[in-house]
Amino acid sequence: MIKNIGLVVVFLLFSASGLVADEDSISDIYSRAGIEGELLIESLDKETIYQYSSIPVEQTFIPASTFKVPNTLIALEESVIKDQFEVIHWDGVTRAYAPWNSDQTLATAFARSCVWCYQYMARLIGDEKYRHYLDKFSYGNEKTGTDIATFWLDGDLRISTSGQVEFLRKVYLESLPVKKRNIEILKDIMLNDVTPHYKLWGKTGWEGQHGWYVGYLESNNRVWFFANYITIENQSDLLLRKKLVMDSFKLKGIF
C-alpha cells in the first residue's frame, strides 16, 4: 500500500535557460515505491538541478552514517588513524550486526557503517575539534551535542539535502581545508560502483526513521551530486535509499 504523501510535492528541473516544466516522472518513482522523502540531484556546473520532495522542502535531519564522510576526513586530519589500511582492533563486544564483530580497517568501517569504530575515533577527537571542523567545513548547523560519540545519530547535528550536496561538491573539487592525501583516501573508500557506463561514490545512512544515500556520480564526462533522504518505516525500505537514486538517474538519461 502506498504511504500517505505529504502536503507538498515538488519536482523541478532548472537549467541555464531558467525553469523548465517536467513530467513529474521522478515523483512517480517515489509514489510507486510508497516512499516519502526528498531527492536533490545537481550537475557539477549547476546548470541542471532536479529536486523532488513529498515533504516540506529544505528540512534538516540528523545525518546518521552519512556523517562518516566528514568524520573520516577529521579522523585522518587529526591522525587518529593514518590511512584506509590501518587496523582498528575489535573491542570484543558482540553486536547484533555480525560484520562489526571483528577487527576493522578504515575502509571496512566506512563500508560497513561500523558505529563502534567511529565512536572510538570520536572520543579521541573530542568536542572542541569537532566544532572546529564543522565550522571550517560549513557542515549542516555545525552543532554537536551532549555525547561526542553519538551526536551524528541522536545529538544536535542537522543537515539538509542541499547541505549534503554542497559538502560533497567540496569533496569532489578538493576545496576543503584538509590535506589532499586525506581527500584521496576518502574518495577511495567512498567508491561504490565502477561500470562501463558510470562510476559512483556514495554513503548510506540510517537511524530510526531517517534514511539517507548521498554521493556523486560520473557518467558521459559529466559529474552529478545527489542527496536522497527518505522516511524509513520498514527495514525493507533501506534498499530504496540507493535504488530510488539510481532509478532517477536512469529515468533522466544520466547513464
Protein backbone atom coordinates (compact mmCIF):
# COMPACT_ATOMS: atom_id res chain seq x y z
CA MET A 1 0.00 0.00 0.00
CA ILE A 2 1.32 3.44 -0.88
CA LYS A 3 2.04 5.53 2.17
CA ASN A 4 0.37 8.87 2.66
CA ILE A 5 2.15 11.53 0.65
CA GLY A 6 2.82 14.87 2.32
CA LEU A 7 1.05 18.09 1.52
CA VAL A 8 3.74 19.41 -0.78
CA VAL A 9 5.08 17.55 -3.79
CA VAL A 10 7.81 19.39 -5.68
CA PHE A 11 9.64 18.25 -8.77
CA LEU A 12 11.52 20.89 -10.67
CA LEU A 13 14.15 20.99 -13.38
CA PHE A 14 16.36 24.04 -13.51
CA SER A 15 18.65 24.80 -16.40
CA ALA A 16 20.81 27.67 -17.54
CA SER A 17 17.87 28.99 -19.52
CA GLY A 18 15.60 29.02 -16.48
CA LEU A 19 12.85 26.87 -15.03
CA VAL A 20 11.70 24.08 -17.35
CA ALA A 21 8.47 22.10 -16.94
CA ASP A 22 8.86 18.39 -16.27
CA GLU A 23 6.52 15.40 -16.34
CA ASP A 24 6.91 14.59 -12.62
CA SER A 25 8.28 11.19 -13.52
CA ILE A 26 10.60 11.03 -10.52
CA SER A 27 7.52 11.68 -8.41
CA ASP A 28 6.03 8.55 -9.99
CA ILE A 29 9.08 6.51 -8.94
CA TYR A 30 8.66 7.53 -5.30
CA SER A 31 4.89 7.11 -5.37
CA ARG A 32 5.13 3.59 -6.74
CA ALA A 33 7.64 2.71 -4.02
CA GLY A 34 5.35 4.21 -1.36
CA ILE A 35 8.16 6.39 -0.05
CA GLU A 36 8.12 9.90 1.37
CA GLY A 37 11.27 11.95 1.14
CA GLU A 38 13.37 14.43 -0.77
CA LEU A 39 15.84 13.95 -3.62
CA LEU A 40 18.24 16.57 -4.90
CA ILE A 41 20.43 16.00 -7.97
CA GLU A 42 22.78 18.73 -9.22
CA SER A 43 25.23 18.79 -12.11
CA LEU A 44 28.77 19.96 -11.41
CA ASP A 45 28.20 23.15 -13.40
CA LYS A 46 24.89 23.72 -11.56
CA GLU A 47 23.13 24.20 -14.89
CA THR A 48 20.84 21.24 -14.29
CA ILE A 49 19.13 20.67 -10.94
CA TYR A 50 16.44 18.10 -10.21
CA GLN A 51 14.56 18.40 -6.94
CA TYR A 52 11.73 16.18 -5.80
CA SER A 53 10.04 16.34 -2.39
CA SER A 54 6.94 14.91 -0.78
CA ILE A 55 7.85 16.64 2.50
CA PRO A 56 8.43 20.33 3.24
CA VAL A 57 11.46 21.29 1.16
CA GLU A 58 14.79 22.02 2.82
CA GLN A 59 14.06 20.43 6.17
CA THR A 60 17.14 19.40 8.12
CA PHE A 61 17.70 15.96 9.61
CA ILE A 62 20.29 14.02 11.57
CA PRO A 63 22.96 12.87 9.10
CA ALA A 64 23.36 9.40 10.65
CA SER A 65 26.13 7.44 8.93
CA THR A 66 26.45 9.93 6.07
CA PHE A 67 28.46 11.88 8.65
CA LYS A 68 31.17 9.27 8.11
CA VAL A 69 32.14 11.30 5.05
CA PRO A 70 33.35 14.37 7.00
CA ASN A 71 34.15 12.22 10.03
CA THR A 72 36.69 10.24 8.00
CA LEU A 73 38.44 13.43 6.94
CA ILE A 74 38.51 14.70 10.52
CA ALA A 75 39.95 11.44 11.85
CA LEU A 76 42.66 11.47 9.18
CA GLU A 77 43.48 15.15 9.70
CA GLU A 78 43.84 14.57 13.44
CA SER A 79 45.99 11.46 12.84
CA VAL A 80 43.57 9.36 14.86
CA ILE A 81 44.03 6.85 12.05
CA LYS A 82 46.74 7.04 9.42
CA ASP A 83 45.12 5.55 6.32
CA GLN A 84 42.48 3.18 4.95
CA PHE A 85 44.57 0.12 5.78
CA GLU A 86 45.39 0.65 9.46
CA VAL A 87 43.68 -1.91 11.69
CA ILE A 88 41.11 -0.83 14.28
CA HIS A 89 41.12 -3.64 16.82
CA TRP A 90 37.76 -5.07 17.81
CA ASP A 91 36.80 -4.23 21.39
CA GLY A 92 35.42 -7.73 21.96
CA VAL A 93 31.82 -6.59 22.42
CA THR A 94 29.43 -8.78 20.41
CA ARG A 95 26.94 -6.68 18.49
CA ALA A 96 23.80 -7.62 16.58
CA TYR A 97 25.38 -6.87 13.19
CA ALA A 98 27.90 -9.68 12.73
CA PRO A 99 30.30 -7.89 10.31
CA TRP A 100 31.16 -5.47 13.14
CA ASN A 101 32.40 -8.25 15.41
CA SER A 102 35.98 -8.36 14.18
CA ASP A 103 38.97 -6.14 13.57
CA GLN A 104 38.27 -3.42 11.00
CA THR A 105 40.19 -1.04 8.80
CA LEU A 106 39.04 2.47 7.96
CA ALA A 107 37.88 1.11 4.61
CA THR A 108 35.75 -1.68 6.10
CA ALA A 109 34.48 0.55 8.90
CA PHE A 110 33.24 3.04 6.30
CA ALA A 111 31.71 0.41 4.03
CA ARG A 112 30.01 -1.44 6.90
CA SER A 113 28.99 1.73 8.76
CA CYS A 114 30.76 0.39 11.82
CA VAL A 115 29.38 2.56 14.59
CA TRP A 116 31.76 1.42 17.34
CA CYS A 117 34.79 2.15 15.12
CA TYR A 118 33.78 5.75 14.56
CA GLN A 119 32.73 6.14 18.19
CA TYR A 120 36.22 5.03 19.21
CA MET A 121 37.74 7.67 16.93
CA ALA A 122 35.23 10.32 18.03
CA ARG A 123 36.30 10.01 21.67
CA LEU A 124 39.90 10.60 20.63
CA ILE A 125 38.96 13.63 18.52
CA GLY A 126 36.80 15.35 21.15
CA ASP A 127 34.11 18.00 21.03
CA GLU A 128 36.36 21.03 20.59
CA LYS A 129 37.99 19.61 17.48
CA TYR A 130 34.64 18.57 16.04
CA ARG A 131 33.24 22.07 16.44
CA HIS A 132 36.36 23.44 14.79
CA TYR A 133 36.00 21.22 11.73
CA LEU A 134 32.24 21.61 11.42
CA ASP A 135 32.83 25.35 11.23
CA LYS A 136 35.68 25.00 8.70
CA PHE A 137 33.57 22.66 6.57
CA SER A 138 30.35 24.72 6.98
CA TYR A 139 28.69 21.37 7.58
CA GLY A 140 24.99 21.49 8.45
CA ASN A 141 24.10 23.50 11.54
CA GLU A 142 27.62 22.88 12.91
CA LYS A 143 26.29 21.61 16.27
CA THR A 144 27.31 18.52 18.22
CA GLY A 145 25.53 17.69 21.47
CA THR A 146 25.97 16.19 24.90
CA ASP A 147 27.54 12.89 23.78
CA ILE A 148 30.54 13.15 21.48
CA ALA A 149 30.17 9.50 20.46
CA THR A 150 26.60 9.77 19.17
CA PHE A 151 25.96 13.39 18.14
CA TRP A 152 25.52 12.46 14.45
CA LEU A 153 22.96 9.81 15.45
CA ASP A 154 20.93 11.41 18.24
CA GLY A 155 22.62 14.71 19.03
CA ASP A 156 22.06 18.23 17.74
CA LEU A 157 23.71 17.94 14.32
CA ARG A 158 21.31 18.51 11.40
CA ILE A 159 21.74 18.87 7.65
CA SER A 160 19.53 19.31 4.57
CA THR A 161 19.78 17.65 1.18
CA SER A 162 21.24 20.86 -0.26
CA GLY A 163 23.75 20.95 2.60
CA GLN A 164 24.81 17.40 1.78
CA VAL A 165 25.22 18.23 -1.90
CA GLU A 166 27.23 21.38 -1.19
CA PHE A 167 29.61 19.47 1.08
CA LEU A 168 30.02 16.68 -1.50
CA ARG A 169 30.85 19.30 -4.11
CA LYS A 170 33.71 20.48 -1.89
CA VAL A 171 34.89 16.88 -1.50
CA TYR A 172 34.89 16.31 -5.26
CA LEU A 173 36.61 19.64 -6.02
CA GLU A 174 39.06 19.06 -3.13
CA SER A 175 38.32 22.57 -1.88
CA LEU A 176 38.04 21.64 1.80
CA PRO A 177 40.80 22.89 4.13
CA VAL A 178 42.34 19.44 4.56
CA LYS A 179 45.32 17.58 3.13
CA LYS A 180 44.93 16.36 -0.45
CA ARG A 181 46.10 12.90 0.66
CA ASN A 182 43.18 12.63 3.07
CA ILE A 183 40.64 13.61 0.42
CA GLU A 184 42.12 10.94 -1.85
CA ILE A 185 41.77 8.30 0.89
CA LEU A 186 38.15 9.32 1.44
CA LYS A 187 37.37 9.11 -2.28
CA ASP A 188 38.99 5.69 -2.43
CA ILE A 189 36.78 4.24 0.31
CA MET A 190 33.66 6.05 -0.94
CA LEU A 191 33.80 4.39 -4.36
CA ASN A 192 30.73 2.11 -4.55
CA ASP A 193 30.40 1.06 -8.19
CA VAL A 194 32.57 1.01 -11.31
CA THR A 195 30.78 0.02 -14.53
CA PRO A 196 31.31 0.68 -18.26
CA HIS A 197 28.65 3.39 -18.00
CA TYR A 198 29.39 5.19 -14.74
CA LYS A 199 31.41 5.43 -11.53
CA LEU A 200 29.59 6.03 -8.28
CA TRP A 201 30.84 7.32 -4.93
CA GLY A 202 28.37 7.22 -2.04
CA LYS A 203 27.43 6.64 1.57
CA THR A 204 24.22 5.38 3.13
CA GLY A 205 22.85 6.46 6.49
CA TRP A 206 20.14 5.14 8.76
CA GLU A 207 18.88 5.98 12.22
CA GLY A 208 15.30 5.23 13.21
CA GLN A 209 13.03 6.72 10.56
CA HIS A 210 15.87 8.67 8.95
CA GLY A 211 17.33 7.14 5.79
CA TRP A 212 19.98 8.66 3.51
CA TYR A 213 22.01 7.96 0.41
CA VAL A 214 24.41 10.71 -0.66
CA GLY A 215 27.31 10.95 -3.06
CA TYR A 216 28.27 11.76 -6.63
CA LEU A 217 28.32 10.03 -10.00
CA GLU A 218 30.50 10.38 -13.09
CA SER A 219 28.95 9.43 -16.44
CA ASN A 220 29.35 10.62 -20.02
CA ASN A 221 32.03 13.12 -18.95
CA ARG A 222 29.66 14.80 -16.51
CA VAL A 223 29.53 14.82 -12.72
CA TRP A 224 26.31 14.73 -10.71
CA PHE A 225 25.91 15.21 -6.97
CA PHE A 226 22.95 13.73 -5.13
CA ALA A 227 21.33 13.51 -1.71
CA ASN A 228 18.34 11.29 -1.08
CA TYR A 229 16.51 11.49 2.26
CA ILE A 230 13.64 9.06 2.85
CA THR A 231 11.42 8.15 5.77
CA ILE A 232 12.08 4.56 6.84
CA GLU A 233 9.02 2.67 8.02
CA ASN A 234 10.21 -0.90 7.40
CA GLN A 235 13.68 -2.40 7.08
CA SER A 236 12.82 -3.31 3.50
CA ASP A 237 12.78 0.45 2.79
CA LEU A 238 16.55 0.54 3.35
CA LEU A 239 17.19 -0.91 -0.10
CA LEU A 240 15.30 2.02 -1.59
CA ARG A 241 17.79 4.61 -0.35
CA LYS A 242 20.11 3.82 -3.25
CA LYS A 243 17.59 2.29 -5.66
CA LEU A 244 15.47 5.43 -5.91
CA VAL A 245 18.54 7.46 -6.79
CA MET A 246 19.70 5.02 -9.45
CA ASP A 247 16.22 4.71 -10.94
CA SER A 248 16.03 8.51 -11.14
CA PHE A 249 19.42 8.73 -12.87
CA LYS A 250 18.31 6.13 -15.41
CA LEU A 251 15.00 7.86 -16.00
CA LYS A 252 16.72 11.15 -16.78
CA GLY A 253 19.21 9.50 -19.13
CA ILE A 254 22.16 10.46 -16.95
CA PHE A 255 23.60 7.00 -17.59
